[in-house]
């Protein structure tokens, strides 16, 4: 490994330790945050169990489980659909169930 690359890696590791120890604040442009949906709360509000909910929204039970434990985050069309269900769970689930 070139010395320059090693020095950059070492500086990054030292910066990480300083941030973890509260000795330094991370740069504002280096902070990333992600909005997550509370899929379990959305499903619970719909009155459905994981299997029923998965079938109604056209997802696998494993995906629903992953979202509920926050191992994965729904994205794209699924995220938009869950946002609509969150806004009005009973009506949206009723309409989706009619088409499932």
C-alpha atoms as a PDB file:
ATOM      1  CA  UNK A   1       0.000   0.000   0.000  1.00  0.00           C
ATOM      2  CA  UNK A   2       1.326   3.411  -0.866  1.00  0.00           C
ATOM      3  CA  UNK A   3       2.303   5.611   2.079  1.00  0.00           C
ATOM      4  CA  UNK A   4      -0.188   8.289   1.060  1.00  0.00           C
ATOM      5  CA  UNK A   5      -3.109   5.832   1.119  1.00  0.00           C
ATOM      6  CA  UNK A   6      -2.005   4.417   4.456  1.00  0.00           C
ATOM      7  CA  UNK A   7      -1.718   7.917   5.935  1.00  0.00           C
ATOM      8  CA  UNK A   8      -5.258   8.752   4.754  1.00  0.00           C
ATOM      9  CA  UNK A   9      -6.583   5.526   6.254  1.00  0.00           C
ATOM     10  CA  UNK A  10      -4.819   6.169   9.558  1.00  0.00           C
ATOM     11  CA  UNK A  11      -6.115   9.758   9.699  1.00  0.00           C
ATOM     12  CA  UNK A  12      -9.666   8.503   9.068  1.00  0.00           C
ATOM     13  CA  UNK A  13      -9.369   5.931  11.854  1.00  0.00           C
ATOM     14  CA  UNK A  14      -8.041   8.566  14.262  1.00  0.00           C
ATOM     15  CA  UNK A  15     -10.899  10.904  13.323  1.00  0.00           C
ATOM     16  CA  UNK A  16     -13.414   8.122  13.951  1.00  0.00           C
ATOM     17  CA  UNK A  17     -11.990   7.470  17.429  1.00  0.00           C
ATOM     18  CA  UNK A  18     -12.056  11.196  18.268  1.00  0.00           C
ATOM     19  CA  UNK A  19     -15.701  11.439  17.189  1.00  0.00           C
ATOM     20  CA  UNK A  20     -16.648   8.339  19.185  1.00  0.00           C
ATOM     21  CA  UNK A  21     -14.895   9.772  22.262  1.00  0.00           C
ATOM     22  CA  UNK A  22     -16.724  13.087  21.882  1.00  0.00           C
ATOM     23  CA  UNK A  23     -13.505  14.982  21.243  1.00  0.00           C
ATOM     24  CA  UNK A  24     -14.529  16.053  17.749  1.00  0.00           C
ATOM     25  CA  UNK A  25     -17.743  16.648  15.795  1.00  0.00           C
ATOM     26  CA  UNK A  26     -18.155  15.082  12.353  1.00  0.00           C
ATOM     27  CA  UNK A  27     -18.300  17.418   9.390  1.00  0.00           C
ATOM     28  CA  UNK A  28     -21.881  18.386   8.519  1.00  0.00           C
ATOM     29  CA  UNK A  29     -21.516  17.012   4.989  1.00  0.00           C
ATOM     30  CA  UNK A  30     -20.388  13.646   6.386  1.00  0.00           C
ATOM     31  CA  UNK A  31     -23.560  13.007   8.394  1.00  0.00           C
ATOM     32  CA  UNK A  32     -26.182  10.859   6.730  1.00  0.00           C
ATOM     33  CA  UNK A  33     -29.588  10.136   8.202  1.00  0.00           C
ATOM     34  CA  UNK A  34     -32.376   8.009   6.855  1.00  0.00           C
ATOM     35  CA  UNK A  35     -36.071   8.388   7.407  1.00  0.00           C
ATOM     36  CA  UNK A  36     -37.544   5.042   8.344  1.00  0.00           C
ATOM     37  CA  UNK A  37     -41.150   3.999   8.473  1.00  0.00           C
ATOM     38  CA  UNK A  38     -42.511   2.130  11.477  1.00  0.00           C
ATOM     39  CA  UNK A  39     -43.862  -0.743   9.412  1.00  0.00           C
ATOM     40  CA  UNK A  40     -44.964  -2.720  12.464  1.00  0.00           C
ATOM     41  CA  UNK A  41     -47.106   0.214  13.663  1.00  0.00           C
ATOM     42  CA  UNK A  42     -48.548   0.623  10.149  1.00  0.00           C
ATOM     43  CA  UNK A  43     -49.412  -3.076   9.949  1.00  0.00           C
ATOM     44  CA  UNK A  44     -50.839  -3.129  13.479  1.00  0.00           C
ATOM     45  CA  UNK A  45     -53.039  -0.121  12.688  1.00  0.00           C
ATOM     46  CA  UNK A  46     -54.344  -2.020   9.667  1.00  0.00           C
ATOM     47  CA  UNK A  47     -55.511  -4.853  11.934  1.00  0.00           C
ATOM     48  CA  UNK A  48     -53.689  -7.491   9.891  1.00  0.00           C
ATOM     49  CA  UNK A  49     -51.062 -10.065  10.824  1.00  0.00           C
ATOM     50  CA  UNK A  50     -47.796 -10.255   8.885  1.00  0.00           C
ATOM     51  CA  UNK A  51     -49.042 -12.886   6.446  1.00  0.00           C
ATOM     52  CA  UNK A  52     -52.268 -11.044   5.647  1.00  0.00           C
ATOM     53  CA  UNK A  53     -50.490  -7.700   5.357  1.00  0.00           C
ATOM     54  CA  UNK A  54     -47.817  -9.116   3.052  1.00  0.00           C
ATOM     55  CA  UNK A  55     -50.420 -10.631   0.739  1.00  0.00           C
ATOM     56  CA  UNK A  56     -52.469  -7.423   0.600  1.00  0.00           C
ATOM     57  CA  UNK A  57     -49.513  -5.183  -0.274  1.00  0.00           C
ATOM     58  CA  UNK A  58     -47.936  -7.719  -2.636  1.00  0.00           C
ATOM     59  CA  UNK A  59     -44.784  -8.349  -0.618  1.00  0.00           C
ATOM     60  CA  UNK A  60     -43.244 -11.442   0.913  1.00  0.00           C
ATOM     61  CA  UNK A  61     -43.702 -12.209   4.602  1.00  0.00           C
ATOM     62  CA  UNK A  62     -39.910 -12.131   4.933  1.00  0.00           C
ATOM     63  CA  UNK A  63     -39.815  -8.573   3.584  1.00  0.00           C
ATOM     64  CA  UNK A  64     -42.450  -7.471   6.097  1.00  0.00           C
ATOM     65  CA  UNK A  65     -40.470  -9.127   8.905  1.00  0.00           C
ATOM     66  CA  UNK A  66     -37.265  -7.412   7.740  1.00  0.00           C
ATOM     67  CA  UNK A  67     -38.954  -4.017   7.633  1.00  0.00           C
ATOM     68  CA  UNK A  68     -40.518  -4.500  11.051  1.00  0.00           C
ATOM     69  CA  UNK A  69     -37.178  -5.398  12.642  1.00  0.00           C
ATOM     70  CA  UNK A  70     -35.524  -2.566  10.685  1.00  0.00           C
ATOM     71  CA  UNK A  71     -32.972  -4.866   9.079  1.00  0.00           C
ATOM     72  CA  UNK A  72     -34.148  -3.426   5.770  1.00  0.00           C
ATOM     73  CA  UNK A  73     -36.054  -0.322   4.759  1.00  0.00           C
ATOM     74  CA  UNK A  74     -38.824  -0.311   2.182  1.00  0.00           C
ATOM     75  CA  UNK A  75     -38.084   1.921  -0.778  1.00  0.00           C
ATOM     76  CA  UNK A  76     -39.614   3.147  -3.987  1.00  0.00           C
ATOM     77  CA  UNK A  77     -43.195   2.194  -4.705  1.00  0.00           C
ATOM     78  CA  UNK A  78     -43.469   0.070  -1.560  1.00  0.00           C
ATOM     79  CA  UNK A  79     -42.448   2.996   0.621  1.00  0.00           C
ATOM     80  CA  UNK A  80     -45.055   5.210  -1.054  1.00  0.00           C
ATOM     81  CA  UNK A  81     -47.720   2.545  -0.605  1.00  0.00           C
ATOM     82  CA  UNK A  82     -46.867   2.147   3.087  1.00  0.00           C
ATOM     83  CA  UNK A  83     -47.031   5.928   3.532  1.00  0.00           C
ATOM     84  CA  UNK A  84     -50.545   5.922   2.057  1.00  0.00           C
ATOM     85  CA  UNK A  85     -51.577   3.057   4.332  1.00  0.00           C
ATOM     86  CA  UNK A  86     -50.103   4.904   7.312  1.00  0.00           C
ATOM     87  CA  UNK A  87     -52.250   7.964   6.546  1.00  0.00           C
ATOM     88  CA  UNK A  88     -55.502   5.991   6.472  1.00  0.00           C
ATOM     89  CA  UNK A  89     -54.931   2.314   7.346  1.00  0.00           C
ATOM     90  CA  UNK A  90     -58.487   0.983   7.439  1.00  0.00           C
ATOM     91  CA  UNK A  91     -59.605   2.502   4.129  1.00  0.00           C
ATOM     92  CA  UNK A  92     -56.400   1.692   2.250  1.00  0.00           C
ATOM     93  CA  UNK A  93     -56.249  -1.899   3.487  1.00  0.00           C
ATOM     94  CA  UNK A  94     -59.911  -2.407   2.614  1.00  0.00           C
ATOM     95  CA  UNK A  95     -59.328  -1.117  -0.932  1.00  0.00           C
ATOM     96  CA  UNK A  96     -56.119  -3.088  -1.417  1.00  0.00           C
ATOM     97  CA  UNK A  97     -57.668  -6.285  -0.022  1.00  0.00           C
ATOM     98  CA  UNK A  98     -60.451  -6.013  -2.570  1.00  0.00           C
ATOM     99  CA  UNK A  99     -57.888  -6.200  -5.375  1.00  0.00           C
ATOM    100  CA  UNK A 100     -55.581  -8.846  -3.850  1.00  0.00           C
END
